N, C-alpha and C. Protein backbone atom coordinates (compact mmCIF):
# COMPACT_ATOMS: atom_id res chain seq x y z
N MET A 1 15.19 -2.35 33.85
CA MET A 1 16.57 -2.98 33.38
C MET A 1 17.58 -1.77 33.61
N PRO A 2 18.63 -1.76 34.27
CA PRO A 2 19.50 -0.61 34.48
C PRO A 2 20.15 -0.54 33.00
N ASN A 3 20.66 0.74 32.93
CA ASN A 3 21.30 1.01 31.61
C ASN A 3 22.52 0.57 31.16
N GLN A 4 22.63 0.28 29.93
CA GLN A 4 23.79 -0.65 29.38
C GLN A 4 24.44 0.37 28.27
N GLU A 5 25.40 0.18 28.16
CA GLU A 5 26.49 0.85 26.98
C GLU A 5 26.98 -0.19 26.41
N ILE A 6 26.87 -0.48 25.29
CA ILE A 6 27.29 -1.42 24.18
C ILE A 6 28.19 -0.83 23.07
N GLU A 7 29.38 -1.20 23.03
CA GLU A 7 30.06 -0.67 21.58
C GLU A 7 30.32 -1.80 20.76
N LEU A 8 29.93 -1.81 19.60
CA LEU A 8 30.29 -2.76 18.50
C LEU A 8 31.12 -2.05 17.65
N ASN A 9 32.40 -2.40 17.59
CA ASN A 9 33.60 -1.58 17.22
C ASN A 9 34.69 -2.24 16.71
N PRO A 10 34.82 -2.71 15.18
CA PRO A 10 33.79 -2.60 14.51
C PRO A 10 32.35 -3.51 14.46
N VAL A 11 31.31 -3.21 13.94
CA VAL A 11 30.48 -4.23 13.30
C VAL A 11 30.81 -5.07 12.16
N ASP A 12 30.51 -6.52 12.20
CA ASP A 12 30.51 -7.33 11.39
C ASP A 12 29.37 -7.11 10.38
N PHE A 13 28.34 -6.48 10.89
CA PHE A 13 26.97 -6.21 10.00
C PHE A 13 26.25 -5.31 10.53
N VAL A 14 25.42 -4.59 9.81
CA VAL A 14 24.37 -3.57 10.38
C VAL A 14 23.32 -3.74 8.99
N THR A 15 22.15 -3.84 9.70
CA THR A 15 21.03 -3.79 8.67
C THR A 15 19.65 -3.19 9.33
N ILE A 16 18.82 -3.09 8.47
CA ILE A 16 17.25 -2.77 9.03
C ILE A 16 16.27 -3.50 8.39
N GLY A 17 15.55 -4.05 9.39
CA GLY A 17 14.42 -5.11 8.13
C GLY A 17 13.36 -5.02 9.44
N THR A 18 12.07 -5.74 8.95
CA THR A 18 10.91 -5.96 9.58
C THR A 18 10.48 -7.45 9.76
N VAL A 19 9.54 -7.40 10.72
CA VAL A 19 8.86 -8.59 11.41
C VAL A 19 7.41 -8.40 11.34
N GLY A 20 6.75 -9.13 10.53
CA GLY A 20 5.29 -9.10 10.43
C GLY A 20 4.54 -8.57 9.01
N PRO A 21 3.33 -8.54 9.10
CA PRO A 21 2.65 -8.32 7.67
C PRO A 21 2.77 -6.87 7.36
N LYS A 22 2.53 -6.47 6.28
CA LYS A 22 2.45 -4.90 5.64
C LYS A 22 1.19 -4.53 6.68
N GLY A 23 1.46 -3.05 7.08
CA GLY A 23 0.54 -2.30 7.80
C GLY A 23 0.74 -2.84 9.50
N LYS A 24 1.37 -3.74 9.74
CA LYS A 24 1.60 -4.19 11.16
C LYS A 24 3.27 -4.59 11.57
N ARG A 25 3.88 -4.12 10.53
CA ARG A 25 5.45 -4.50 10.66
C ARG A 25 6.25 -3.81 11.94
N LEU A 26 7.05 -4.39 12.23
CA LEU A 26 7.68 -3.98 13.60
C LEU A 26 9.20 -3.70 12.78
N PHE A 27 9.76 -2.52 12.92
CA PHE A 27 10.97 -2.23 12.31
C PHE A 27 12.25 -2.62 13.31
N HIS A 28 13.33 -3.16 12.71
CA HIS A 28 14.39 -3.40 13.55
C HIS A 28 15.61 -2.88 13.06
N LEU A 29 16.41 -2.24 13.73
CA LEU A 29 17.65 -2.11 13.42
C LEU A 29 18.65 -3.06 14.07
N GLN A 30 19.36 -3.64 13.41
CA GLN A 30 20.34 -4.73 14.03
C GLN A 30 21.78 -4.81 13.39
N ALA A 31 22.59 -4.98 14.36
CA ALA A 31 24.16 -5.06 14.21
C ALA A 31 24.57 -6.13 14.85
N GLY A 32 25.80 -6.56 14.63
CA GLY A 32 26.45 -7.64 15.30
C GLY A 32 28.17 -7.33 15.03
N GLN A 33 28.78 -8.17 16.29
CA GLN A 33 29.83 -8.28 16.25
C GLN A 33 30.38 -9.58 16.79
N ASP A 34 30.91 -10.24 16.07
CA ASP A 34 31.49 -11.91 16.49
C ASP A 34 30.14 -12.55 16.68
N ASP A 35 29.81 -12.97 17.86
CA ASP A 35 28.90 -13.88 18.19
C ASP A 35 27.69 -12.78 18.86
N GLN A 36 27.92 -11.54 19.15
CA GLN A 36 26.96 -10.64 19.75
C GLN A 36 26.09 -10.23 18.69
N VAL A 37 24.80 -10.23 18.61
CA VAL A 37 23.71 -9.62 17.70
C VAL A 37 22.95 -8.67 18.61
N ILE A 38 22.75 -7.45 18.23
CA ILE A 38 21.97 -6.53 18.80
C ILE A 38 20.81 -6.16 18.02
N SER A 39 19.54 -6.03 18.45
CA SER A 39 18.36 -5.90 17.75
C SER A 39 17.62 -4.79 18.55
N LEU A 40 17.40 -3.68 17.66
CA LEU A 40 16.50 -2.50 18.20
C LEU A 40 15.42 -2.43 17.70
N ILE A 41 14.45 -1.78 18.42
CA ILE A 41 13.14 -1.60 17.56
C ILE A 41 13.04 -0.09 17.29
N ILE A 42 12.89 0.13 15.98
CA ILE A 42 12.70 1.92 15.52
C ILE A 42 11.26 1.92 14.83
N GLU A 43 10.98 3.24 14.59
CA GLU A 43 9.94 3.55 13.99
C GLU A 43 10.12 3.59 12.28
N LYS A 44 9.33 3.13 11.74
CA LYS A 44 9.07 3.36 10.00
C LYS A 44 9.88 4.95 9.78
N GLU A 45 9.36 5.85 10.47
CA GLU A 45 9.79 7.08 10.17
C GLU A 45 11.43 7.38 10.51
N GLN A 46 11.67 6.59 11.53
CA GLN A 46 13.06 6.73 11.97
C GLN A 46 14.03 5.91 10.82
N ALA A 47 13.41 4.91 10.35
CA ALA A 47 14.19 4.17 9.31
C ALA A 47 14.31 5.12 8.10
N ARG A 48 13.41 5.70 7.51
CA ARG A 48 13.41 6.62 6.38
C ARG A 48 14.35 8.02 6.70
N ALA A 49 14.33 8.48 7.81
CA ALA A 49 15.19 9.62 8.21
C ALA A 49 16.65 9.08 8.41
N LEU A 50 16.73 7.90 9.00
CA LEU A 50 18.25 7.40 9.21
C LEU A 50 18.93 7.40 7.66
N GLY A 51 18.06 6.71 6.93
CA GLY A 51 18.67 6.28 5.39
C GLY A 51 18.95 7.55 5.02
N GLU A 52 17.94 8.80 4.76
CA GLU A 52 18.25 10.05 4.21
C GLU A 52 19.86 10.60 4.76
N ALA A 53 19.71 10.64 6.19
CA ALA A 53 20.79 11.24 6.88
C ALA A 53 22.03 10.32 6.62
N ILE A 54 22.26 9.23 6.61
CA ILE A 54 23.42 8.82 5.95
C ILE A 54 23.83 9.03 4.68
N GLU A 55 22.83 9.07 3.78
CA GLU A 55 23.19 9.39 2.44
C GLU A 55 23.82 10.84 2.26
N GLU A 56 23.26 11.69 2.88
CA GLU A 56 23.72 12.96 3.08
C GLU A 56 24.97 13.04 3.76
N MET A 57 25.12 12.47 4.93
CA MET A 57 26.70 12.56 5.37
C MET A 57 27.70 11.81 4.59
N LEU A 58 27.13 10.72 3.92
CA LEU A 58 28.17 9.92 3.04
C LEU A 58 28.63 11.13 1.80
N GLU A 59 27.69 11.61 1.45
CA GLU A 59 28.02 12.74 0.15
C GLU A 59 28.90 13.85 0.57
N ASP A 60 28.56 14.36 1.91
CA ASP A 60 29.93 15.04 2.42
C ASP A 60 30.94 14.61 2.75
N LEU A 61 30.97 13.39 3.24
CA LEU A 61 32.26 12.67 3.71
C LEU A 61 33.17 12.53 2.36
N ASP A 62 32.46 12.07 1.16
CA ASP A 62 33.07 11.70 -0.16
C ASP A 62 33.81 12.91 -0.52
N LYS A 63 33.28 14.24 -0.52
CA LYS A 63 33.81 15.50 -1.03
C LYS A 63 34.81 15.95 -0.01
N ARG A 64 34.87 16.18 1.06
CA ARG A 64 35.59 16.47 2.12
C ARG A 64 36.78 15.42 2.49
N PHE A 65 36.43 14.20 2.49
CA PHE A 65 37.42 13.11 2.95
C PHE A 65 37.43 11.98 1.45
N PRO A 66 38.00 12.06 0.75
CA PRO A 66 37.82 10.87 -0.36
C PRO A 66 37.96 9.42 0.02
N PRO A 67 37.22 8.65 -0.31
CA PRO A 67 37.17 7.08 0.16
C PRO A 67 38.82 6.81 0.15
N ARG A 68 39.42 6.07 1.23
CA ARG A 68 40.74 5.59 1.12
C ARG A 68 40.85 4.41 0.01
N LYS A 69 41.87 4.11 -0.75
CA LYS A 69 42.11 2.86 -1.62
C LYS A 69 42.01 1.48 -0.56
N GLY A 70 40.75 0.84 -0.93
CA GLY A 70 40.50 -0.45 -0.50
C GLY A 70 39.75 -0.35 0.81
N SER A 71 39.01 0.72 0.64
CA SER A 71 38.13 0.86 2.08
C SER A 71 36.78 0.13 1.84
N GLY A 72 36.59 -0.56 0.65
CA GLY A 72 35.42 -1.45 0.45
C GLY A 72 35.00 -1.62 -1.11
N SER A 73 35.00 -2.85 -1.21
CA SER A 73 34.60 -3.27 -2.85
C SER A 73 33.65 -4.20 -2.84
N LEU A 74 32.86 -4.46 -1.90
CA LEU A 74 31.64 -5.20 -2.04
C LEU A 74 30.48 -4.39 -2.61
N GLU A 75 29.71 -4.71 -3.46
CA GLU A 75 28.44 -4.12 -3.85
C GLU A 75 27.46 -4.41 -2.98
N TYR A 76 26.48 -3.54 -3.13
CA TYR A 76 25.21 -3.83 -2.09
C TYR A 76 24.63 -5.21 -2.41
N THR A 77 24.38 -5.55 -3.56
CA THR A 77 23.81 -6.57 -3.94
C THR A 77 24.65 -8.02 -3.75
N GLN A 78 25.97 -7.68 -3.12
CA GLN A 78 26.61 -9.13 -2.61
C GLN A 78 26.52 -9.01 -0.94
N MET A 79 26.05 -8.02 -0.54
CA MET A 79 26.03 -7.78 1.02
C MET A 79 24.62 -8.63 1.42
N ASN A 80 24.58 -9.37 2.34
CA ASN A 80 23.45 -10.16 3.06
C ASN A 80 22.86 -9.06 4.03
N MET A 81 21.72 -8.51 3.87
CA MET A 81 21.01 -7.44 4.56
C MET A 81 19.91 -7.94 5.49
N GLU A 82 19.77 -9.21 5.26
CA GLU A 82 18.53 -9.82 6.04
C GLU A 82 18.60 -9.82 7.45
N LEU A 83 17.77 -9.66 8.23
CA LEU A 83 17.77 -9.61 9.76
C LEU A 83 18.50 -11.03 10.26
N ARG A 84 19.54 -11.05 11.17
CA ARG A 84 19.90 -12.28 11.61
C ARG A 84 19.00 -12.88 12.85
N ASP A 85 18.76 -14.23 13.12
CA ASP A 85 18.47 -14.84 14.24
C ASP A 85 19.36 -14.87 15.49
N PRO A 86 18.98 -14.38 16.75
CA PRO A 86 17.80 -14.22 17.27
C PRO A 86 17.25 -12.90 17.11
N ILE A 87 15.90 -12.32 16.96
CA ILE A 87 15.68 -11.40 16.65
C ILE A 87 15.05 -11.17 18.11
N GLU A 88 15.57 -10.48 19.20
CA GLU A 88 15.35 -10.27 20.46
C GLU A 88 15.60 -8.84 20.92
N PRO A 89 14.71 -7.91 20.51
CA PRO A 89 14.89 -6.58 20.85
C PRO A 89 15.52 -6.08 22.06
N MET A 90 16.59 -5.51 22.17
CA MET A 90 17.16 -4.78 23.36
C MET A 90 16.26 -3.80 24.14
N PHE A 91 15.88 -2.76 22.84
CA PHE A 91 15.01 -1.69 23.71
C PHE A 91 14.54 -0.96 22.35
N ARG A 92 13.34 -0.11 22.62
CA ARG A 92 12.95 0.71 21.44
C ARG A 92 13.91 2.07 21.61
N VAL A 93 14.15 2.48 20.44
CA VAL A 93 15.01 3.51 20.22
C VAL A 93 14.25 4.82 20.12
N SER A 94 14.72 5.87 21.09
CA SER A 94 14.03 6.95 21.09
C SER A 94 14.96 7.90 20.10
N GLN A 95 16.10 8.19 19.89
CA GLN A 95 16.95 9.07 19.04
C GLN A 95 18.29 8.38 18.61
N MET A 96 18.71 8.67 17.43
CA MET A 96 19.87 8.15 17.08
C MET A 96 20.94 9.50 16.19
N GLY A 97 21.90 9.08 16.28
CA GLY A 97 22.85 10.12 15.88
C GLY A 97 24.02 9.37 15.02
N LEU A 98 24.67 10.59 14.07
CA LEU A 98 25.86 9.69 13.50
C LEU A 98 27.06 10.78 13.66
N GLY A 99 28.27 9.88 13.75
CA GLY A 99 29.49 10.83 13.73
C GLY A 99 30.42 10.19 12.93
N TYR A 100 31.61 10.92 13.11
CA TYR A 100 32.77 10.50 11.89
C TYR A 100 33.91 10.25 12.71
N ASP A 101 34.73 9.61 12.78
CA ASP A 101 36.27 9.69 13.12
C ASP A 101 37.02 9.47 11.80
N GLU A 102 37.67 10.62 11.72
CA GLU A 102 38.58 10.78 10.37
C GLU A 102 39.67 10.06 10.20
N GLN A 103 40.45 9.79 11.42
CA GLN A 103 41.60 9.11 11.50
C GLN A 103 41.30 7.39 11.25
N ARG A 104 40.48 7.06 11.43
CA ARG A 104 39.88 5.73 11.28
C ARG A 104 39.09 5.33 10.38
N ASP A 105 38.36 6.61 9.54
CA ASP A 105 37.66 6.80 8.64
C ASP A 105 36.43 5.75 8.85
N MET A 106 35.73 5.79 10.19
CA MET A 106 34.62 4.93 10.39
C MET A 106 33.48 5.95 10.84
N ILE A 107 32.56 5.60 10.65
CA ILE A 107 31.32 6.25 10.87
C ILE A 107 30.58 5.63 12.44
N VAL A 108 30.15 6.07 13.22
CA VAL A 108 29.38 5.40 14.36
C VAL A 108 28.08 6.08 14.38
N LEU A 109 27.15 5.11 14.44
CA LEU A 109 25.66 5.09 14.56
C LEU A 109 25.28 4.83 16.11
N VAL A 110 24.88 5.86 16.70
CA VAL A 110 24.76 5.85 18.04
C VAL A 110 23.06 5.75 18.30
N ALA A 111 22.37 4.76 19.05
CA ALA A 111 21.08 4.68 19.18
C ALA A 111 20.98 4.60 20.61
N GLN A 112 19.90 5.42 21.07
CA GLN A 112 19.50 5.86 22.50
C GLN A 112 18.32 5.21 22.77
N GLU A 113 17.90 4.62 24.07
CA GLU A 113 16.69 3.87 24.38
C GLU A 113 15.65 4.87 24.58
N LEU A 114 14.45 4.63 24.48
CA LEU A 114 13.22 5.43 24.89
C LEU A 114 13.00 4.92 26.24
N MET A 115 12.87 5.97 27.13
CA MET A 115 12.50 5.66 28.57
C MET A 115 11.11 5.92 28.68
N SER A 116 10.58 5.19 29.60
CA SER A 116 9.26 5.36 30.10
C SER A 116 9.39 6.25 31.49
N LEU A 117 8.38 6.74 31.53
CA LEU A 117 8.14 7.77 32.52
C LEU A 117 7.27 7.15 33.95
N GLU A 118 7.98 6.17 34.66
CA GLU A 118 7.56 5.47 35.59
C GLU A 118 8.03 6.43 37.00
N GLU A 119 7.30 6.51 38.06
CA GLU A 119 7.79 7.22 38.96
C GLU A 119 8.68 6.56 40.02
N ASP A 120 8.38 5.21 40.31
CA ASP A 120 9.25 4.57 41.10
C ASP A 120 10.37 3.75 40.44
N VAL A 121 11.22 4.58 40.09
CA VAL A 121 12.70 4.11 39.38
C VAL A 121 13.85 4.77 39.99
N SER A 122 14.68 3.79 40.30
CA SER A 122 15.98 4.22 40.99
C SER A 122 16.74 4.98 40.11
N SER A 123 17.72 5.90 40.34
CA SER A 123 18.47 6.75 39.57
C SER A 123 19.30 5.96 38.53
N GLU A 124 19.60 4.87 38.76
CA GLU A 124 20.41 3.98 37.98
C GLU A 124 19.77 3.57 36.75
N GLU A 125 18.15 3.29 36.85
CA GLU A 125 17.47 2.94 35.97
C GLU A 125 16.83 4.21 35.14
N THR A 126 17.27 5.71 35.67
CA THR A 126 16.87 6.75 34.69
C THR A 126 17.59 7.21 33.75
N GLU A 127 18.85 6.41 33.51
CA GLU A 127 19.56 6.53 32.35
C GLU A 127 19.34 5.62 31.11
N PRO A 128 19.23 6.25 30.04
CA PRO A 128 19.01 5.20 28.76
C PRO A 128 20.01 4.35 28.41
N SER A 129 19.66 3.29 27.89
CA SER A 129 20.85 2.44 27.37
C SER A 129 21.12 2.91 26.44
N VAL A 130 22.49 2.56 25.72
CA VAL A 130 23.09 3.37 24.39
C VAL A 130 23.64 2.06 23.71
N VAL A 131 23.56 2.10 22.58
CA VAL A 131 24.58 1.08 21.66
C VAL A 131 24.89 1.96 20.25
N ARG A 132 26.52 1.81 20.47
CA ARG A 132 27.40 2.44 19.46
C ARG A 132 27.53 1.37 18.60
N MET A 133 27.49 1.82 17.14
CA MET A 133 27.96 1.13 16.30
C MET A 133 28.65 1.48 15.15
N TRP A 134 30.09 1.05 15.38
CA TRP A 134 31.04 1.70 14.24
C TRP A 134 31.25 0.74 12.89
N CYS A 135 31.08 1.60 11.84
CA CYS A 135 30.77 1.13 10.57
C CYS A 135 31.88 1.81 9.42
N LYS A 136 32.24 0.77 8.72
CA LYS A 136 32.81 1.35 7.30
C LYS A 136 31.72 1.90 6.52
N ARG A 137 32.30 2.74 5.82
CA ARG A 137 31.43 3.57 4.85
C ARG A 137 30.44 2.82 3.80
N ILE A 138 31.11 1.60 3.52
CA ILE A 138 30.47 0.68 2.64
C ILE A 138 29.31 0.20 3.50
N ASP A 139 29.40 -0.06 4.58
CA ASP A 139 28.35 -0.84 5.31
C ASP A 139 27.04 0.16 5.61
N MET A 140 27.71 1.49 5.91
CA MET A 140 26.66 2.58 6.00
C MET A 140 25.81 2.95 4.67
N ARG A 141 26.59 2.92 3.71
CA ARG A 141 25.96 2.73 2.26
C ARG A 141 24.85 1.99 1.95
N ALA A 142 25.22 0.62 2.40
CA ALA A 142 24.28 -0.53 2.27
C ALA A 142 23.31 -0.28 3.33
N LEU A 143 23.71 0.37 4.42
CA LEU A 143 22.25 0.50 5.43
C LEU A 143 21.34 1.51 4.85
N SER A 144 21.72 2.73 4.26
CA SER A 144 21.08 3.51 3.57
C SER A 144 20.14 3.10 2.54
N ILE A 145 20.64 2.27 1.75
CA ILE A 145 20.01 1.75 0.69
C ILE A 145 18.78 0.82 1.33
N ARG A 146 19.07 -0.20 2.39
CA ARG A 146 18.35 -1.18 2.76
C ARG A 146 17.28 -0.22 3.31
N ALA A 147 17.27 0.71 4.19
CA ALA A 147 16.57 1.44 4.94
C ALA A 147 15.41 2.10 3.84
N GLY A 148 15.85 2.57 2.69
CA GLY A 148 14.80 2.96 1.70
C GLY A 148 14.14 1.93 1.20
N GLU A 149 14.69 0.79 0.91
CA GLU A 149 14.11 -0.49 0.35
C GLU A 149 12.71 -0.96 1.22
N VAL A 150 13.19 -1.12 2.58
CA VAL A 150 12.30 -1.33 3.52
C VAL A 150 11.15 -0.76 3.71
N VAL A 151 11.46 0.75 3.96
CA VAL A 151 10.35 1.57 3.99
C VAL A 151 9.35 1.62 2.77
N ARG A 152 10.10 1.57 1.41
CA ARG A 152 9.09 1.49 0.46
C ARG A 152 8.52 0.30 0.41
N SER A 153 8.86 -0.66 0.92
CA SER A 153 8.14 -2.32 0.69
C SER A 153 6.73 -2.32 1.33
N GLY A 154 6.29 -1.45 2.09
CA GLY A 154 5.02 -1.39 2.88
C GLY A 154 3.84 -1.49 1.93
N ARG A 155 2.86 -0.74 2.49
CA ARG A 155 1.68 -0.40 1.79
C ARG A 155 1.80 0.46 0.68
N PRO A 156 1.22 0.15 -0.49
CA PRO A 156 1.25 1.11 -1.66
C PRO A 156 1.15 2.66 -1.44
N ASP A 157 0.15 3.03 -0.52
CA ASP A 157 -0.02 4.21 0.02
C ASP A 157 0.02 4.47 1.68
N PRO A 158 1.20 4.73 2.15
CA PRO A 158 1.46 4.59 3.42
C PRO A 158 0.55 5.78 4.21
N ARG A 159 0.06 6.73 3.65
CA ARG A 159 -0.83 7.67 4.09
C ARG A 159 -2.10 7.07 4.56
N GLN A 160 -2.54 5.90 3.94
CA GLN A 160 -3.46 5.37 4.67
C GLN A 160 -3.61 4.69 6.06
N ASN A 161 -2.48 4.29 6.26
CA ASN A 161 -1.55 3.93 7.55
C ASN A 161 -2.79 2.99 8.38
N GLY A 162 -3.24 2.04 7.69
CA GLY A 162 -3.93 1.24 8.18
C GLY A 162 -5.48 1.65 8.47
N ARG A 163 -5.97 2.89 7.85
CA ARG A 163 -7.11 3.40 8.04
C ARG A 163 -8.10 2.81 6.89
N LEU A 164 -9.39 2.54 7.04
CA LEU A 164 -10.44 2.06 6.06
C LEU A 164 -10.89 3.42 5.22
N VAL A 165 -10.67 3.01 3.92
CA VAL A 165 -11.12 4.29 2.93
C VAL A 165 -12.31 3.83 2.31
N PHE A 166 -13.12 5.02 2.50
CA PHE A 166 -14.53 4.84 1.47
C PHE A 166 -14.54 5.19 0.36
N TYR A 167 -15.06 4.59 -0.74
CA TYR A 167 -15.05 5.17 -2.28
C TYR A 167 -16.64 5.29 -2.65
N TRP A 168 -16.80 6.11 -3.13
CA TRP A 168 -18.39 6.57 -3.63
C TRP A 168 -18.43 6.48 -5.07
N THR A 169 -19.42 5.73 -5.57
CA THR A 169 -19.47 5.73 -6.98
C THR A 169 -20.93 6.36 -7.46
C-alpha cells in the first residue's frame, strides 16, 4: 500500500480499546472526524507509554499555559470511549509522537506506520503512512485515563504474558 498522510483536524473522538480475550487482546488506537474512522493497531506497551506521556504533557501544559475558559467541561465519565465500528486497522504503529500548537491550544498525536523490510518495494512504498490527530486537552486527558484502564484490564499478572506457571506444594 502506498504511503498515506491523514490529518484529522480536529478529531470528533479519540480512544484506545481492545478486541479479543485477555491474553490475546489486540490493542487499537482509534480516532474519527465526521464519517471517517481511523483504526490503528498498537502494542499494549505503546498504550501504556502513550497514556503516561499524555499525562506528563498535560501537567506541563497546565503549568505553562493554563487552560482557556470554555476549553472543555465534559467529565471523563460522560465521554464515550468505546471503539466505534468499523474496526478495520489501517496499519500497525511503529512510533508515536505528541506536539502542541499554542495558538490553537490543540495537541497533535502523530502515529507512524511500521514498515516491513521487503526487498522488492518501490520507493513510493518505502515511506511509512502517517496519521495526525488534532485533539483538545480534554480529549487527550480522557485518552490518557482510558489507556491506563485498558492496560490494567488484562490479566491480573501481566508478567505471566500467557506463560504456564507451575506451583509445587
